[in-house]
Amino acid sequence: GGPPTESFDRRSQSASDLQARHKAFSGEYFAGCPEDQPDFLQEEVVRLKQALAGQQEQMAGLQVARDELQKAARTAQSELEEETREAEVLKTQVQDLSLKLGVTSHELIGKSRMLDKWRKDTEQAHTETETQMEATFA
């Protein structure tokens, strides 16, 4: 009865080998989980915190840039309003000068007409005087 027992032993040995290999494989496969998991999670938390810090830094930079842009926009708006006021003042001054020039021009035209009339009246008076003198001394 030697060979059957030997055969049985070989089979039970290969069965226990199989179990041992399965246990070893399972151990390797799950090695990254239970015992090492806290380290892995800790590393992930650190990585996420660093990423968050980087994003917060970017946000702070963007907020500073936004504040500077808003300040520049307010300054530009103030300058525009100031230039608009100055332009209104200049426009009013130009209108005033234009009116004064119009009045002056109107006055000059009137005086020119008066001078023309005076010249004609003077010439006419002179002619009449000459005619009277000629009549008197004729």
Protein backbone atom coordinates (compact mmCIF):
# COMPACT_ATOMS: atom_id res chain seq x y z
CA GLY A 1 0.00 0.00 0.00
CA GLY A 2 2.90 2.34 -0.51
CA PRO A 3 2.05 4.05 -3.75
CA PRO A 4 -1.55 5.09 -2.93
CA THR A 5 -0.40 6.81 0.29
CA GLU A 6 2.44 8.45 -1.52
CA SER A 7 0.01 9.63 -4.16
CA PHE A 8 -2.32 10.97 -1.45
CA ASP A 9 0.56 12.74 0.31
CA ARG A 10 1.61 14.37 -2.95
CA ARG A 11 -1.94 15.55 -3.54
CA SER A 12 -2.36 16.96 -0.03
CA GLN A 13 1.05 18.60 -0.34
CA SER A 14 0.10 20.24 -3.63
CA ALA A 15 -3.19 21.32 -2.05
CA SER A 16 -1.37 22.89 0.89
CA ASP A 17 1.12 24.46 -1.59
CA LEU A 18 -1.81 25.94 -3.43
CA GLN A 19 -3.23 27.33 -0.20
CA ALA A 20 0.16 28.76 0.79
CA ARG A 21 0.60 30.37 -2.65
CA HIS A 22 -2.92 31.78 -2.52
CA LYS A 23 -2.24 33.20 0.95
CA ALA A 24 1.06 34.71 -0.21
CA PHE A 25 -0.61 36.20 -3.30
CA SER A 26 -3.44 37.61 -1.19
CA GLY A 27 -0.94 39.05 1.26
CA GLU A 28 1.00 40.77 -1.56
CA TYR A 29 -2.19 41.97 -3.23
CA PHE A 30 -3.61 43.48 -0.06
CA ALA A 31 -0.26 44.67 1.28
CA GLY A 32 -0.96 48.15 -0.12
CA CYS A 33 -4.22 48.44 1.76
CA PRO A 34 -4.79 47.86 5.46
CA GLU A 35 -1.38 48.43 7.07
CA ASP A 36 -0.05 50.93 4.48
CA GLN A 37 -3.34 52.68 3.91
CA PRO A 38 -2.86 55.38 6.57
CA ASP A 39 0.48 56.36 4.97
CA PHE A 40 -1.06 56.39 1.50
CA LEU A 41 -4.00 58.48 2.74
CA GLN A 42 -1.65 60.78 4.64
CA GLU A 43 0.39 61.35 1.45
CA GLU A 44 -2.82 61.99 -0.49
CA VAL A 45 -4.00 64.49 2.16
CA VAL A 46 -0.62 66.27 2.02
CA ARG A 47 -0.77 66.37 -1.79
CA LEU A 48 -4.33 67.74 -1.76
CA LYS A 49 -3.42 70.34 0.88
CA GLN A 50 -0.47 71.47 -1.26
CA ALA A 51 -2.72 71.69 -4.32
CA LEU A 52 -5.28 73.68 -2.32
CA ALA A 53 -2.57 76.01 -1.00
CA GLY A 54 -1.40 76.56 -4.58
CA GLN A 55 -4.94 77.35 -5.69
CA GLN A 56 -5.45 79.70 -2.75
CA GLU A 57 -2.20 81.46 -3.66
CA GLN A 58 -3.43 81.79 -7.25
CA MET A 59 -6.77 83.14 -6.00
CA ALA A 60 -5.00 85.68 -3.81
CA GLY A 61 -2.92 86.75 -6.81
CA LEU A 62 -6.06 87.05 -8.93
CA GLN A 63 -7.79 89.10 -6.22
CA VAL A 64 -4.81 91.47 -6.06
CA ALA A 65 -4.88 91.79 -9.86
CA ARG A 66 -8.66 92.37 -9.78
CA ASP A 67 -8.27 95.04 -7.08
CA GLU A 68 -5.55 96.78 -9.11
CA LEU A 69 -7.74 96.66 -12.23
CA GLN A 70 -10.71 98.10 -10.32
CA LYS A 71 -8.50 100.86 -8.90
CA ALA A 72 -7.17 101.64 -12.39
CA ALA A 73 -10.74 101.67 -13.74
CA ARG A 74 -11.85 104.08 -11.00
CA THR A 75 -8.85 106.33 -11.72
CA ALA A 76 -9.61 106.26 -15.46
CA GLN A 77 -13.28 107.03 -14.72
CA SER A 78 -12.30 110.00 -12.53
CA GLU A 79 -9.91 111.30 -15.20
CA LEU A 80 -12.60 110.90 -17.85
CA GLU A 81 -15.11 112.80 -15.70
CA GLU A 82 -12.54 115.57 -15.08
CA GLU A 83 -11.75 115.82 -18.81
CA THR A 84 -15.47 115.87 -19.58
CA ARG A 85 -15.96 118.78 -17.13
CA GLU A 86 -12.99 120.62 -18.71
CA ALA A 87 -14.44 119.98 -22.17
CA GLU A 88 -17.81 121.41 -21.01
CA VAL A 89 -16.06 124.54 -19.68
CA LEU A 90 -14.18 124.95 -22.98
CA LYS A 91 -17.39 124.40 -24.95
CA THR A 92 -19.11 127.13 -22.90
CA GLN A 93 -16.14 129.50 -23.41
CA VAL A 94 -16.20 128.84 -27.15
CA GLN A 95 -19.96 129.51 -27.26
CA ASP A 96 -19.45 132.76 -25.29
CA LEU A 97 -16.65 133.88 -27.62
CA SER A 98 -18.74 132.91 -30.62
CA LEU A 99 -21.64 135.03 -29.32
CA LYS A 100 -19.28 137.97 -28.60
CA LEU A 101 -17.80 137.63 -32.09
CA GLY A 102 -21.29 137.54 -33.53
CA VAL A 103 -22.24 140.69 -31.61
CA THR A 104 -18.96 142.37 -32.56
CA SER A 105 -19.41 141.32 -36.17
CA HIS A 106 -22.97 142.63 -36.12
CA GLU A 107 -21.76 145.92 -34.56
CA LEU A 108 -19.01 146.25 -37.16
CA ILE A 109 -21.46 145.69 -40.00
CA GLY A 110 -23.76 148.32 -38.45
CA LYS A 111 -20.89 150.82 -38.04
CA SER A 112 -19.71 150.13 -41.58
CA ARG A 113 -23.23 150.92 -42.88
CA MET A 114 -23.33 154.06 -40.77
CA LEU A 115 -19.95 155.13 -42.18
CA ASP A 116 -21.16 154.44 -45.73
CA LYS A 117 -24.32 156.51 -45.07
CA TRP A 118 -22.26 159.32 -43.47
CA ARG A 119 -19.87 159.28 -46.47
CA LYS A 120 -22.79 159.44 -48.92
CA ASP A 121 -24.48 162.17 -46.85
CA THR A 122 -21.23 164.11 -46.72
CA GLU A 123 -20.67 163.75 -50.48
CA GLN A 124 -24.28 164.79 -51.10
CA ALA A 125 -23.94 167.77 -48.76
CA HIS A 126 -20.65 168.69 -50.43
CA THR A 127 -22.31 168.46 -53.87
CA GLU A 128 -25.26 170.54 -52.68
CA THR A 129 -22.88 173.12 -51.19
CA GLU A 130 -20.94 173.30 -54.44
CA THR A 131 -24.17 173.68 -56.41
CA GLN A 132 -25.35 176.48 -54.08
CA MET A 133 -21.98 178.27 -54.31
CA GLU A 134 -22.05 178.02 -58.07
CA ALA A 135 -25.59 179.38 -58.09
CA THR A 136 -24.62 182.14 -55.67
CA PHE A 137 -21.54 183.22 -57.59
CA ALA A 138 -22.91 182.65 -61.05
